[in-house]
All heavy atoms as atom14 arrays in JSON, in Angstrom:
{
  "sequence": "QPDKAMTRADIAARGIVSIDDDIKQDGAARFMFAWSRDYLLYHGTLD",
  "atom14_mask": [
    [1, 1, 1, 1, 1, 1, 1, 1, 1, 0, 0, 0, 0, 0],
    [1, 1, 1, 1, 1, 1, 1, 0, 0, 0, 0, 0, 0, 0],
    [1, 1, 1, 1, 1, 1, 1, 1, 0, 0, 0, 0, 0, 0],
    [1, 1, 1, 1, 1, 1, 1, 1, 1, 0, 0, 0, 0, 0],
    [1, 1, 1, 1, 1, 0, 0, 0, 0, 0, 0, 0, 0, 0],
    [1, 1, 1, 1, 1, 1, 1, 1, 0, 0, 0, 0, 0, 0],
    [1, 1, 1, 1, 1, 1, 1, 0, 0, 0, 0, 0, 0, 0],
    [1, 1, 1, 1, 1, 1, 1, 1, 1, 1, 1, 0, 0, 0],
    [1, 1, 1, 1, 1, 0, 0, 0, 0, 0, 0, 0, 0, 0],
    [1, 1, 1, 1, 1, 1, 1, 1, 0, 0, 0, 0, 0, 0],
    [1, 1, 1, 1, 1, 1, 1, 1, 0, 0, 0, 0, 0, 0],
    [1, 1, 1, 1, 1, 0, 0, 0, 0, 0, 0, 0, 0, 0],
    [1, 1, 1, 1, 1, 0, 0, 0, 0, 0, 0, 0, 0, 0],
    [1, 1, 1, 1, 1, 1, 1, 1, 1, 1, 1, 0, 0, 0],
    [1, 1, 1, 1, 0, 0, 0, 0, 0, 0, 0, 0, 0, 0],
    [1, 1, 1, 1, 1, 1, 1, 1, 0, 0, 0, 0, 0, 0],
    [1, 1, 1, 1, 1, 1, 1, 0, 0, 0, 0, 0, 0, 0],
    [1, 1, 1, 1, 1, 1, 0, 0, 0, 0, 0, 0, 0, 0],
    [1, 1, 1, 1, 1, 1, 1, 1, 0, 0, 0, 0, 0, 0],
    [1, 1, 1, 1, 1, 1, 1, 1, 0, 0, 0, 0, 0, 0],
    [1, 1, 1, 1, 1, 1, 1, 1, 0, 0, 0, 0, 0, 0],
    [1, 1, 1, 1, 1, 1, 1, 1, 0, 0, 0, 0, 0, 0],
    [1, 1, 1, 1, 1, 1, 1, 1, 0, 0, 0, 0, 0, 0],
    [1, 1, 1, 1, 1, 1, 1, 1, 1, 0, 0, 0, 0, 0],
    [1, 1, 1, 1, 1, 1, 1, 1, 1, 0, 0, 0, 0, 0],
    [1, 1, 1, 1, 1, 1, 1, 1, 0, 0, 0, 0, 0, 0],
    [1, 1, 1, 1, 0, 0, 0, 0, 0, 0, 0, 0, 0, 0],
    [1, 1, 1, 1, 1, 0, 0, 0, 0, 0, 0, 0, 0, 0],
    [1, 1, 1, 1, 1, 0, 0, 0, 0, 0, 0, 0, 0, 0],
    [1, 1, 1, 1, 1, 1, 1, 1, 1, 1, 1, 0, 0, 0],
    [1, 1, 1, 1, 1, 1, 1, 1, 1, 1, 1, 0, 0, 0],
    [1, 1, 1, 1, 1, 1, 1, 1, 0, 0, 0, 0, 0, 0],
    [1, 1, 1, 1, 1, 1, 1, 1, 1, 1, 1, 0, 0, 0],
    [1, 1, 1, 1, 1, 0, 0, 0, 0, 0, 0, 0, 0, 0],
    [1, 1, 1, 1, 1, 1, 1, 1, 1, 1, 1, 1, 1, 1],
    [1, 1, 1, 1, 1, 1, 0, 0, 0, 0, 0, 0, 0, 0],
    [1, 1, 1, 1, 1, 1, 1, 1, 1, 1, 1, 0, 0, 0],
    [1, 1, 1, 1, 1, 1, 1, 1, 0, 0, 0, 0, 0, 0],
    [1, 1, 1, 1, 1, 1, 1, 1, 1, 1, 1, 1, 0, 0],
    [1, 1, 1, 1, 1, 1, 1, 1, 0, 0, 0, 0, 0, 0],
    [1, 1, 1, 1, 1, 1, 1, 1, 0, 0, 0, 0, 0, 0],
    [1, 1, 1, 1, 1, 1, 1, 1, 1, 1, 1, 1, 0, 0],
    [1, 1, 1, 1, 1, 1, 1, 1, 1, 1, 0, 0, 0, 0],
    [1, 1, 1, 1, 0, 0, 0, 0, 0, 0, 0, 0, 0, 0],
    [1, 1, 1, 1, 1, 1, 1, 0, 0, 0, 0, 0, 0, 0],
    [1, 1, 1, 1, 1, 1, 1, 1, 0, 0, 0, 0, 0, 0],
    [1, 1, 1, 1, 1, 1, 1, 1, 0, 0, 0, 0, 0, 0]
  ],
  "atom14_positions": [
    [[93.68, 90.03, 109.13], [95.09, 89.78, 109.38], [95.3, 88.29, 109.63], [94.5, 87.66, 110.31], [95.49, 90.59, 110.62], [96.9, 90.46, 111.08], [97.14, 91.33, 112.3], [96.97, 92.55, 112.24], [97.52, 90.71, 113.39], [0.0, 0.0, 0.0], [0.0, 0.0, 0.0], [0.0, 0.0, 0.0], [0.0, 0.0, 0.0], [0.0, 0.0, 0.0]],
    [[96.35, 87.68, 109.08], [96.63, 86.27, 109.4], [96.79, 86.07, 110.9], [97.14, 87.01, 111.63], [97.93, 85.99, 108.64], [97.98, 87.01, 107.56], [97.33, 88.24, 108.13], [0.0, 0.0, 0.0], [0.0, 0.0, 0.0], [0.0, 0.0, 0.0], [0.0, 0.0, 0.0], [0.0, 0.0, 0.0], [0.0, 0.0, 0.0], [0.0, 0.0, 0.0]],
    [[96.55, 84.86, 111.35], [96.59, 84.63, 112.79], [98.0, 84.37, 113.33], [98.18, 84.21, 114.53], [95.68, 83.46, 113.17], [96.05, 82.17, 112.44], [97.05, 82.17, 111.7], [95.33, 81.17, 112.61], [0.0, 0.0, 0.0], [0.0, 0.0, 0.0], [0.0, 0.0, 0.0], [0.0, 0.0, 0.0], [0.0, 0.0, 0.0], [0.0, 0.0, 0.0]],
    [[99.0, 84.35, 112.45], [100.37, 84.16, 112.92], [101.36, 84.71, 111.89], [100.99, 84.99, 110.75], [100.65, 82.68, 113.17], [100.55, 81.81, 111.93], [100.87, 80.35, 112.25], [100.79, 79.49, 110.99], [101.12, 78.08, 111.3], [0.0, 0.0, 0.0], [0.0, 0.0, 0.0], [0.0, 0.0, 0.0], [0.0, 0.0, 0.0], [0.0, 0.0, 0.0]],
    [[102.61, 84.84, 112.32], [103.66, 85.29, 111.4], [103.88, 84.23, 110.33], [103.64, 83.04, 110.53], [104.96, 85.54, 112.17], [0.0, 0.0, 0.0], [0.0, 0.0, 0.0], [0.0, 0.0, 0.0], [0.0, 0.0, 0.0], [0.0, 0.0, 0.0], [0.0, 0.0, 0.0], [0.0, 0.0, 0.0], [0.0, 0.0, 0.0], [0.0, 0.0, 0.0]],
    [[104.35, 84.68, 109.15], [104.51, 83.77, 108.03], [105.94, 83.8, 107.52], [106.59, 84.86, 107.47], [103.56, 84.13, 106.89], [102.09, 84.08, 107.3], [100.95, 84.36, 105.92], [101.2, 82.85, 105.0], [0.0, 0.0, 0.0], [0.0, 0.0, 0.0], [0.0, 0.0, 0.0], [0.0, 0.0, 0.0], [0.0, 0.0, 0.0], [0.0, 0.0, 0.0]],
    [[106.45, 82.62, 107.13], [107.82, 82.52, 106.63], [107.87, 82.93, 105.16], [106.86, 83.02, 104.47], [108.34, 81.08, 106.76], [107.57, 80.23, 105.89], [108.21, 80.58, 108.2], [0.0, 0.0, 0.0], [0.0, 0.0, 0.0], [0.0, 0.0, 0.0], [0.0, 0.0, 0.0], [0.0, 0.0, 0.0], [0.0, 0.0, 0.0], [0.0, 0.0, 0.0]],
    [[109.08, 83.1, 104.69], [109.27, 83.45, 103.27], [108.74, 82.33, 102.37], [108.1, 82.6, 101.35], [110.76, 83.69, 103.0], [111.04, 84.1, 101.56], [112.51, 84.39, 101.34], [112.72, 85.01, 100.03], [113.4, 86.1, 99.8], [113.95, 86.74, 100.82], [113.56, 86.58, 98.58], [0.0, 0.0, 0.0], [0.0, 0.0, 0.0], [0.0, 0.0, 0.0]],
    [[108.98, 81.09, 102.75], [108.51, 79.97, 101.93], [106.99, 79.94, 101.86], [106.42, 79.7, 100.79], [109.06, 78.66, 102.5], [0.0, 0.0, 0.0], [0.0, 0.0, 0.0], [0.0, 0.0, 0.0], [0.0, 0.0, 0.0], [0.0, 0.0, 0.0], [0.0, 0.0, 0.0], [0.0, 0.0, 0.0], [0.0, 0.0, 0.0], [0.0, 0.0, 0.0]],
    [[106.34, 80.19, 102.99], [104.87, 80.2, 103.02], [104.32, 81.29, 102.11], [103.35, 81.08, 101.36], [104.36, 80.41, 104.44], [104.65, 79.23, 105.34], [104.83, 78.12, 104.82], [104.71, 79.43, 106.58], [0.0, 0.0, 0.0], [0.0, 0.0, 0.0], [0.0, 0.0, 0.0], [0.0, 0.0, 0.0], [0.0, 0.0, 0.0], [0.0, 0.0, 0.0]],
    [[104.91, 82.47, 102.17], [104.43, 83.61, 101.38], [104.68, 83.38, 99.89], [103.82, 83.64, 99.05], [105.1, 84.9, 101.86], [104.67, 85.2, 103.32], [104.73, 86.07, 100.95], [105.42, 86.35, 103.94], [0.0, 0.0, 0.0], [0.0, 0.0, 0.0], [0.0, 0.0, 0.0], [0.0, 0.0, 0.0], [0.0, 0.0, 0.0], [0.0, 0.0, 0.0]],
    [[105.86, 82.88, 99.56], [106.19, 82.63, 98.16], [105.28, 81.58, 97.56], [104.85, 81.69, 96.39], [107.65, 82.21, 98.04], [0.0, 0.0, 0.0], [0.0, 0.0, 0.0], [0.0, 0.0, 0.0], [0.0, 0.0, 0.0], [0.0, 0.0, 0.0], [0.0, 0.0, 0.0], [0.0, 0.0, 0.0], [0.0, 0.0, 0.0], [0.0, 0.0, 0.0]],
    [[104.95, 80.55, 98.33], [104.09, 79.49, 97.82], [102.67, 79.98, 97.59], [102.0, 79.57, 96.63], [104.09, 78.32, 98.81], [0.0, 0.0, 0.0], [0.0, 0.0, 0.0], [0.0, 0.0, 0.0], [0.0, 0.0, 0.0], [0.0, 0.0, 0.0], [0.0, 0.0, 0.0], [0.0, 0.0, 0.0], [0.0, 0.0, 0.0], [0.0, 0.0, 0.0]],
    [[102.21, 80.87, 98.4], [100.83, 81.36, 98.29], [100.71, 82.52, 97.32], [99.7, 82.68, 96.65], [100.33, 81.76, 99.67], [98.86, 82.13, 99.71], [98.38, 82.18, 101.13], [97.04, 82.73, 101.21], [96.36, 82.91, 102.34], [96.94, 82.56, 103.5], [95.14, 83.4, 102.34], [0.0, 0.0, 0.0], [0.0, 0.0, 0.0], [0.0, 0.0, 0.0]],
    [[101.75, 83.36, 97.29], [101.71, 84.55, 96.45], [101.22, 85.76, 97.23], [100.33, 85.65, 98.08], [0.0, 0.0, 0.0], [0.0, 0.0, 0.0], [0.0, 0.0, 0.0], [0.0, 0.0, 0.0], [0.0, 0.0, 0.0], [0.0, 0.0, 0.0], [0.0, 0.0, 0.0], [0.0, 0.0, 0.0], [0.0, 0.0, 0.0], [0.0, 0.0, 0.0]],
    [[101.81, 86.91, 96.94], [101.42, 88.13, 97.63], [101.36, 89.28, 96.64], [102.21, 89.4, 95.76], [102.39, 88.45, 98.8], [101.91, 89.71, 99.55], [103.82, 88.6, 98.32], [102.63, 89.92, 100.86], [0.0, 0.0, 0.0], [0.0, 0.0, 0.0], [0.0, 0.0, 0.0], [0.0, 0.0, 0.0], [0.0, 0.0, 0.0], [0.0, 0.0, 0.0]],
    [[100.32, 90.1, 96.75], [100.12, 91.21, 95.81], [99.82, 92.49, 96.59], [99.44, 92.45, 97.76], [98.96, 90.92, 94.84], [99.25, 89.68, 94.01], [97.63, 90.78, 95.59], [0.0, 0.0, 0.0], [0.0, 0.0, 0.0], [0.0, 0.0, 0.0], [0.0, 0.0, 0.0], [0.0, 0.0, 0.0], [0.0, 0.0, 0.0], [0.0, 0.0, 0.0]],
    [[99.97, 93.59, 95.9], [99.52, 94.89, 96.43], [98.47, 95.43, 95.48], [98.57, 95.28, 94.26], [100.68, 95.87, 96.55], [101.12, 96.3, 95.28], [0.0, 0.0, 0.0], [0.0, 0.0, 0.0], [0.0, 0.0, 0.0], [0.0, 0.0, 0.0], [0.0, 0.0, 0.0], [0.0, 0.0, 0.0], [0.0, 0.0, 0.0], [0.0, 0.0, 0.0]],
    [[97.42, 96.06, 96.04], [96.34, 96.65, 95.26], [96.05, 98.04, 95.84], [95.8, 98.17, 97.04], [95.07, 95.79, 95.32], [95.35, 94.37, 94.81], [93.95, 96.42, 94.51], [94.18, 93.42, 94.97], [0.0, 0.0, 0.0], [0.0, 0.0, 0.0], [0.0, 0.0, 0.0], [0.0, 0.0, 0.0], [0.0, 0.0, 0.0], [0.0, 0.0, 0.0]],
    [[96.07, 99.04, 94.97], [95.84, 100.41, 95.41], [94.44, 100.91, 95.09], [94.13, 102.08, 95.31], [96.86, 101.35, 94.76], [98.29, 101.01, 95.16], [98.48, 100.53, 96.29], [99.2, 101.23, 94.34], [0.0, 0.0, 0.0], [0.0, 0.0, 0.0], [0.0, 0.0, 0.0], [0.0, 0.0, 0.0], [0.0, 0.0, 0.0], [0.0, 0.0, 0.0]],
    [[93.58, 100.04, 94.56], [92.26, 100.49, 94.1], [91.33, 100.89, 95.24], [91.34, 100.28, 96.31], [91.58, 99.37, 93.31], [92.22, 99.16, 91.94], [92.95, 100.06, 91.49], [91.98, 98.11, 91.34], [0.0, 0.0, 0.0], [0.0, 0.0, 0.0], [0.0, 0.0, 0.0], [0.0, 0.0, 0.0], [0.0, 0.0, 0.0], [0.0, 0.0, 0.0]],
    [[90.54, 101.92, 94.96], [89.37, 102.25, 95.75], [88.2, 101.59, 95.04], [87.84, 101.98, 93.92], [89.19, 103.76, 95.81], [87.95, 104.2, 96.56], [87.0, 103.4, 96.69], [87.9, 105.36, 97.0], [0.0, 0.0, 0.0], [0.0, 0.0, 0.0], [0.0, 0.0, 0.0], [0.0, 0.0, 0.0], [0.0, 0.0, 0.0], [0.0, 0.0, 0.0]],
    [[87.61, 100.57, 95.65], [86.62, 99.76, 94.96], [85.47, 100.6, 94.41], [85.02, 100.4, 93.28], [86.08, 98.66, 95.9], [87.18, 97.63, 96.16], [84.85, 97.98, 95.32], [86.78, 96.52, 97.11], [0.0, 0.0, 0.0], [0.0, 0.0, 0.0], [0.0, 0.0, 0.0], [0.0, 0.0, 0.0], [0.0, 0.0, 0.0], [0.0, 0.0, 0.0]],
    [[85.01, 101.57, 95.17], [83.89, 102.41, 94.74], [84.25, 103.2, 93.48], [83.4, 103.44, 92.61], [83.49, 103.35, 95.87], [82.26, 104.2, 95.57], [81.9, 105.03, 96.79], [80.71, 105.95, 96.5], [80.37, 106.77, 97.68], [0.0, 0.0, 0.0], [0.0, 0.0, 0.0], [0.0, 0.0, 0.0], [0.0, 0.0, 0.0], [0.0, 0.0, 0.0]],
    [[85.5, 103.64, 93.36], [85.93, 104.44, 92.22], [86.5, 103.58, 91.1], [86.2, 103.78, 89.92], [86.99, 105.46, 92.66], [86.49, 106.48, 93.66], [85.45, 107.41, 93.08], [85.52, 107.77, 91.92], [84.48, 107.8, 93.9], [0.0, 0.0, 0.0], [0.0, 0.0, 0.0], [0.0, 0.0, 0.0], [0.0, 0.0, 0.0], [0.0, 0.0, 0.0]],
    [[87.34, 102.61, 91.47], [88.11, 101.86, 90.49], [87.54, 100.48, 90.18], [88.03, 99.79, 89.29], [89.55, 101.7, 90.98], [90.18, 103.03, 91.34], [90.09, 103.95, 90.53], [90.76, 103.14, 92.44], [0.0, 0.0, 0.0], [0.0, 0.0, 0.0], [0.0, 0.0, 0.0], [0.0, 0.0, 0.0], [0.0, 0.0, 0.0], [0.0, 0.0, 0.0]],
    [[86.53, 100.07, 90.91], [85.99, 98.74, 90.71], [86.7, 97.69, 91.54], [87.73, 97.95, 92.17], [0.0, 0.0, 0.0], [0.0, 0.0, 0.0], [0.0, 0.0, 0.0], [0.0, 0.0, 0.0], [0.0, 0.0, 0.0], [0.0, 0.0, 0.0], [0.0, 0.0, 0.0], [0.0, 0.0, 0.0], [0.0, 0.0, 0.0], [0.0, 0.0, 0.0]],
    [[86.15, 96.49, 91.53], [86.66, 95.43, 92.41], [87.42, 94.34, 91.67], [87.76, 93.32, 92.27], [85.48, 94.81, 93.17], [0.0, 0.0, 0.0], [0.0, 0.0, 0.0], [0.0, 0.0, 0.0], [0.0, 0.0, 0.0], [0.0, 0.0, 0.0], [0.0, 0.0, 0.0], [0.0, 0.0, 0.0], [0.0, 0.0, 0.0], [0.0, 0.0, 0.0]],
    [[87.7, 94.54, 90.36], [88.26, 93.45, 89.56], [89.58, 92.92, 90.11], [89.78, 91.7, 90.18], [88.44, 93.92, 88.12], [0.0, 0.0, 0.0], [0.0, 0.0, 0.0], [0.0, 0.0, 0.0], [0.0, 0.0, 0.0], [0.0, 0.0, 0.0], [0.0, 0.0, 0.0], [0.0, 0.0, 0.0], [0.0, 0.0, 0.0], [0.0, 0.0, 0.0]],
    [[90.49, 93.8, 90.52], [91.78, 93.33, 91.02], [91.61, 92.56, 92.33], [92.31, 91.58, 92.58], [92.74, 94.5, 91.18], [93.2, 95.09, 89.84], [94.25, 96.19, 90.04], [94.73, 96.7, 88.77], [94.16, 97.68, 88.07], [93.06, 98.26, 88.56], [94.67, 98.08, 86.93], [0.0, 0.0, 0.0], [0.0, 0.0, 0.0], [0.0, 0.0, 0.0]],
    [[90.7, 93.04, 93.17], [90.44, 92.3, 94.41], [89.79, 90.96, 94.12], [90.09, 89.96, 94.78], [89.54, 93.13, 95.34], [90.26, 94.26, 96.02], [90.15, 95.56, 95.55], [91.05, 94.03, 97.14], [90.8, 96.6, 96.18], [91.71, 95.06, 97.77], [91.59, 96.36, 97.29], [0.0, 0.0, 0.0], [0.0, 0.0, 0.0], [0.0, 0.0, 0.0]],
    [[88.88, 90.91, 93.14], [88.25, 89.64, 92.78], [89.29, 88.67, 92.23], [89.25, 87.46, 92.5], [87.16, 89.89, 91.73], [86.01, 90.77, 92.21], [85.0, 90.04, 93.52], [84.13, 88.79, 92.59], [0.0, 0.0, 0.0], [0.0, 0.0, 0.0], [0.0, 0.0, 0.0], [0.0, 0.0, 0.0], [0.0, 0.0, 0.0], [0.0, 0.0, 0.0]],
    [[90.23, 89.2, 91.46], [91.33, 88.39, 90.93], [92.15, 87.78, 92.07], [92.43, 86.58, 92.09], [92.21, 89.26, 90.03], [93.41, 88.56, 89.46], [93.33, 87.86, 88.26], [94.64, 88.62, 90.11], [94.45, 87.22, 87.73], [95.75, 87.98, 89.6], [95.66, 87.29, 88.4], [0.0, 0.0, 0.0], [0.0, 0.0, 0.0], [0.0, 0.0, 0.0]],
    [[92.55, 88.63, 93.02], [93.37, 88.16, 94.15], [92.6, 87.17, 95.01], [93.17, 86.17, 95.51], [93.83, 89.35, 94.98], [0.0, 0.0, 0.0], [0.0, 0.0, 0.0], [0.0, 0.0, 0.0], [0.0, 0.0, 0.0], [0.0, 0.0, 0.0], [0.0, 0.0, 0.0], [0.0, 0.0, 0.0], [0.0, 0.0, 0.0], [0.0, 0.0, 0.0]],
    [[91.31, 87.43, 95.19], [90.48, 86.52, 96.0], [90.37, 85.16, 95.33], [90.48, 84.12, 95.98], [89.09, 87.14, 96.19], [88.18, 86.39, 97.1], [88.53, 85.63, 98.18], [86.75, 86.34, 97.02], [87.42, 85.12, 98.79], [86.31, 85.53, 98.1], [85.81, 86.91, 96.16], [84.96, 85.27, 98.32], [84.48, 86.66, 96.39], [84.05, 85.84, 97.45]],
    [[90.19, 85.16, 94.02], [90.07, 83.91, 93.28], [91.36, 83.09, 93.38], [91.31, 81.85, 93.43], [89.74, 84.2, 91.81], [89.65, 83.03, 91.05], [0.0, 0.0, 0.0], [0.0, 0.0, 0.0], [0.0, 0.0, 0.0], [0.0, 0.0, 0.0], [0.0, 0.0, 0.0], [0.0, 0.0, 0.0], [0.0, 0.0, 0.0], [0.0, 0.0, 0.0]],
    [[92.51, 83.77, 93.43], [93.8, 83.09, 93.51], [94.25, 82.83, 94.95], [95.29, 82.22, 95.17], [94.87, 83.93, 92.8], [94.74, 83.94, 91.27], [95.13, 82.57, 90.7], [95.13, 82.57, 89.26], [96.17, 82.89, 88.49], [97.31, 83.27, 89.05], [96.08, 82.84, 87.19], [0.0, 0.0, 0.0], [0.0, 0.0, 0.0], [0.0, 0.0, 0.0]],
    [[93.47, 83.34, 95.92], [93.84, 83.2, 97.33], [95.19, 83.84, 97.64], [95.97, 83.36, 98.45], [93.86, 81.73, 97.75], [93.87, 81.56, 99.28], [93.3, 82.43, 99.97], [94.47, 80.59, 99.78], [0.0, 0.0, 0.0], [0.0, 0.0, 0.0], [0.0, 0.0, 0.0], [0.0, 0.0, 0.0], [0.0, 0.0, 0.0], [0.0, 0.0, 0.0]],
    [[95.47, 84.97, 96.98], [96.71, 85.69, 97.24], [96.63, 86.4, 98.59], [95.56, 86.82, 99.04], [96.95, 86.74, 96.16], [97.44, 86.2, 94.84], [97.05, 86.82, 93.65], [98.3, 85.11, 94.76], [97.49, 86.36, 92.42], [98.74, 84.64, 93.54], [98.33, 85.25, 92.37], [98.77, 84.8, 91.16], [0.0, 0.0, 0.0], [0.0, 0.0, 0.0]],
    [[97.79, 86.59, 99.18], [97.91, 87.49, 100.33], [97.97, 88.92, 99.82], [98.42, 89.18, 98.7], [99.18, 87.18, 101.13], [99.23, 85.85, 101.88], [100.66, 85.55, 102.31], [98.31, 85.89, 103.09], [0.0, 0.0, 0.0], [0.0, 0.0, 0.0], [0.0, 0.0, 0.0], [0.0, 0.0, 0.0], [0.0, 0.0, 0.0], [0.0, 0.0, 0.0]],
    [[97.53, 89.85, 100.64], [97.66, 91.28, 100.33], [98.75, 91.88, 101.21], [98.79, 91.64, 102.42], [96.35, 92.02, 100.58], [95.13, 91.64, 99.74], [93.95, 92.51, 100.14], [95.42, 91.77, 98.26], [0.0, 0.0, 0.0], [0.0, 0.0, 0.0], [0.0, 0.0, 0.0], [0.0, 0.0, 0.0], [0.0, 0.0, 0.0], [0.0, 0.0, 0.0]],
    [[99.63, 92.66, 100.59], [100.65, 93.36, 101.36], [100.05, 94.64, 101.93], [99.43, 95.43, 101.21], [101.86, 93.7, 100.49], [102.9, 94.54, 101.19], [103.4, 94.18, 102.44], [103.37, 95.71, 100.62], [104.33, 94.95, 103.09], [104.32, 96.49, 101.25], [104.79, 96.11, 102.5], [105.72, 96.89, 103.16], [0.0, 0.0, 0.0], [0.0, 0.0, 0.0]],
    [[100.22, 94.82, 103.24], [99.6, 95.96, 103.92], [100.44, 97.24, 103.81], [100.02, 98.31, 104.26], [99.38, 95.61, 105.39], [98.4, 96.48, 106.09], [97.19, 96.83, 105.53], [98.44, 97.1, 107.3], [96.53, 97.62, 106.37], [97.27, 97.8, 107.44], [0.0, 0.0, 0.0], [0.0, 0.0, 0.0], [0.0, 0.0, 0.0], [0.0, 0.0, 0.0]],
    [[101.64, 97.12, 103.26], [102.44, 98.31, 102.96], [103.02, 99.02, 104.14], [103.02, 100.25, 104.19], [0.0, 0.0, 0.0], [0.0, 0.0, 0.0], [0.0, 0.0, 0.0], [0.0, 0.0, 0.0], [0.0, 0.0, 0.0], [0.0, 0.0, 0.0], [0.0, 0.0, 0.0], [0.0, 0.0, 0.0], [0.0, 0.0, 0.0], [0.0, 0.0, 0.0]],
    [[103.55, 98.29, 105.14], [104.02, 98.95, 106.36], [105.47, 98.66, 106.71], [106.01, 99.28, 107.63], [103.16, 98.5, 107.55], [103.14, 97.07, 107.61], [101.72, 99.0, 107.41], [0.0, 0.0, 0.0], [0.0, 0.0, 0.0], [0.0, 0.0, 0.0], [0.0, 0.0, 0.0], [0.0, 0.0, 0.0], [0.0, 0.0, 0.0], [0.0, 0.0, 0.0]],
    [[106.11, 97.74, 106.02], [107.47, 97.37, 106.38], [108.49, 98.38, 105.84], [108.18, 99.19, 104.96], [107.79, 95.97, 105.84], [106.96, 94.83, 106.45], [107.28, 93.52, 105.76], [107.19, 94.72, 107.95], [0.0, 0.0, 0.0], [0.0, 0.0, 0.0], [0.0, 0.0, 0.0], [0.0, 0.0, 0.0], [0.0, 0.0, 0.0], [0.0, 0.0, 0.0]],
    [[109.7, 98.32, 106.37], [110.77, 99.19, 105.91], [111.03, 98.95, 104.42], [110.86, 97.83, 103.92], [112.04, 98.91, 106.73], [113.18, 99.83, 106.37], [113.12, 101.01, 106.72], [114.12, 99.35, 105.7], [0.0, 0.0, 0.0], [0.0, 0.0, 0.0], [0.0, 0.0, 0.0], [0.0, 0.0, 0.0], [0.0, 0.0, 0.0], [0.0, 0.0, 0.0]]
  ]
}
């Protein structure tokens, strides 16, 4: 988890993605892609 709240500008500049893969079943390619780009992951909990 990030160590502080993030503004819209910060998130837009960095990029944010959602990934539904189970690495063991679906592989890690999408996570490797996001890691290489330093994207944020959306945890899927907001309204």
